[in-house]
């Protein structure tokens, strides 16, 4: 199991689709420009610094989602959004 940040709109989470688009996280910190590193805190529920690998964005079955750990703060969400927008060339 690894942390993942759900980035899809709630409309995709329809019971018949059972999909979520996620950015997976890793505790192996490589300091890559496409990775957004988040320090653990009470709000996000992480237990170690985690790099969210924006270049690995993917759709997964919601059956693979085990439990909600927490929520990223606004600054981290904004950074992930910007890196995702630039990576996918969504201007």
Protein backbone atom coordinates (compact mmCIF):
# COMPACT_ATOMS: atom_id res chain seq x y z
CA UNK A 1 0.00 0.00 0.00
CA UNK A 2 1.09 3.54 -0.71
CA UNK A 3 -0.49 6.94 -0.33
CA UNK A 4 -2.20 8.43 -3.35
CA UNK A 5 -3.70 11.83 -3.96
CA UNK A 6 -7.11 11.73 -5.65
CA UNK A 7 -7.17 14.44 -8.31
CA UNK A 8 -10.31 13.50 -10.24
CA UNK A 9 -13.58 15.38 -10.10
CA UNK A 10 -16.34 13.81 -7.99
CA UNK A 11 -18.42 13.29 -11.16
CA UNK A 12 -15.99 10.55 -12.19
CA UNK A 13 -16.73 8.67 -8.98
CA UNK A 14 -20.11 7.46 -10.25
CA UNK A 15 -20.98 4.01 -8.85
CA UNK A 16 -21.13 2.52 -12.36
CA UNK A 17 -17.64 3.80 -13.27
CA UNK A 18 -15.85 3.03 -10.00
CA UNK A 19 -12.76 4.97 -11.08
CA UNK A 20 -10.57 7.60 -9.49
CA UNK A 21 -7.65 9.46 -11.03
CA UNK A 22 -4.75 9.54 -8.60
CA UNK A 23 -1.21 10.79 -8.23
CA UNK A 24 0.73 8.10 -6.34
CA UNK A 25 3.07 8.97 -3.52
CA UNK A 26 6.42 7.53 -2.53
CA UNK A 27 8.62 7.91 0.52
CA UNK A 28 11.70 7.61 -1.72
CA UNK A 29 12.55 11.28 -2.12
CA UNK A 30 14.40 11.93 -5.39
CA UNK A 31 13.98 15.73 -5.60
CA UNK A 32 12.66 15.51 -9.17
CA UNK A 33 10.88 18.56 -10.62
CA UNK A 34 7.70 16.54 -11.26
CA UNK A 35 7.50 15.37 -7.64
CA UNK A 36 5.71 17.43 -5.00
CA UNK A 37 7.13 16.65 -1.55
CA UNK A 38 4.77 16.96 1.40
CA UNK A 39 5.84 16.90 5.04
CA UNK A 40 3.63 14.90 7.42
CA UNK A 41 1.18 16.71 9.67
CA UNK A 42 -2.07 16.01 11.50
CA UNK A 43 -4.22 17.20 8.59
CA UNK A 44 -2.68 15.05 5.83
CA UNK A 45 -2.21 11.91 7.93
CA UNK A 46 1.16 11.05 6.41
CA UNK A 47 3.71 9.45 8.71
CA UNK A 48 6.81 10.30 6.64
CA UNK A 49 7.77 12.92 4.04
CA UNK A 50 6.08 11.83 0.81
CA UNK A 51 6.76 12.81 -2.79
CA UNK A 52 3.68 12.75 -5.00
CA UNK A 53 4.81 11.59 -8.46
CA UNK A 54 2.82 13.76 -10.84
CA UNK A 55 4.32 12.04 -13.91
CA UNK A 56 2.69 8.79 -12.71
CA UNK A 57 -0.91 10.08 -12.77
CA UNK A 58 -3.30 7.19 -13.49
CA UNK A 59 -6.86 5.95 -13.26
CA UNK A 60 -7.48 3.20 -10.73
CA UNK A 61 -10.47 1.24 -9.52
CA UNK A 62 -12.03 2.71 -6.40
CA UNK A 63 -11.87 -0.83 -4.97
CA UNK A 64 -8.11 -0.22 -4.55
CA UNK A 65 -8.74 2.73 -2.21
CA UNK A 66 -8.44 1.43 1.34
CA UNK A 67 -8.90 4.39 3.66
CA UNK A 68 -8.72 8.16 3.66
CA UNK A 69 -5.60 9.30 5.48
CA UNK A 70 -6.23 13.03 5.35
CA UNK A 71 -6.17 16.09 3.15
CA UNK A 72 -3.33 18.15 1.74
CA UNK A 73 -3.23 21.81 2.66
CA UNK A 74 -4.19 24.41 0.07
CA UNK A 75 -0.59 25.25 -0.81
CA UNK A 76 0.35 21.62 -1.54
CA UNK A 77 -2.85 21.07 -3.56
CA UNK A 78 -2.12 24.20 -5.59
CA UNK A 79 1.44 23.01 -6.28
CA UNK A 80 0.21 19.58 -7.42
CA UNK A 81 -2.41 21.28 -9.62
CA UNK A 82 0.23 23.49 -11.26
CA UNK A 83 2.68 20.65 -11.88
CA UNK A 84 -0.14 18.47 -13.23
CA UNK A 85 -1.39 21.26 -15.51
CA UNK A 86 2.12 21.86 -16.87
CA UNK A 87 2.90 18.15 -17.24
CA UNK A 88 -0.28 17.50 -19.22
CA UNK A 89 0.00 20.84 -21.08
CA UNK A 90 -3.43 21.97 -19.88
CA UNK A 91 -3.15 25.73 -20.27
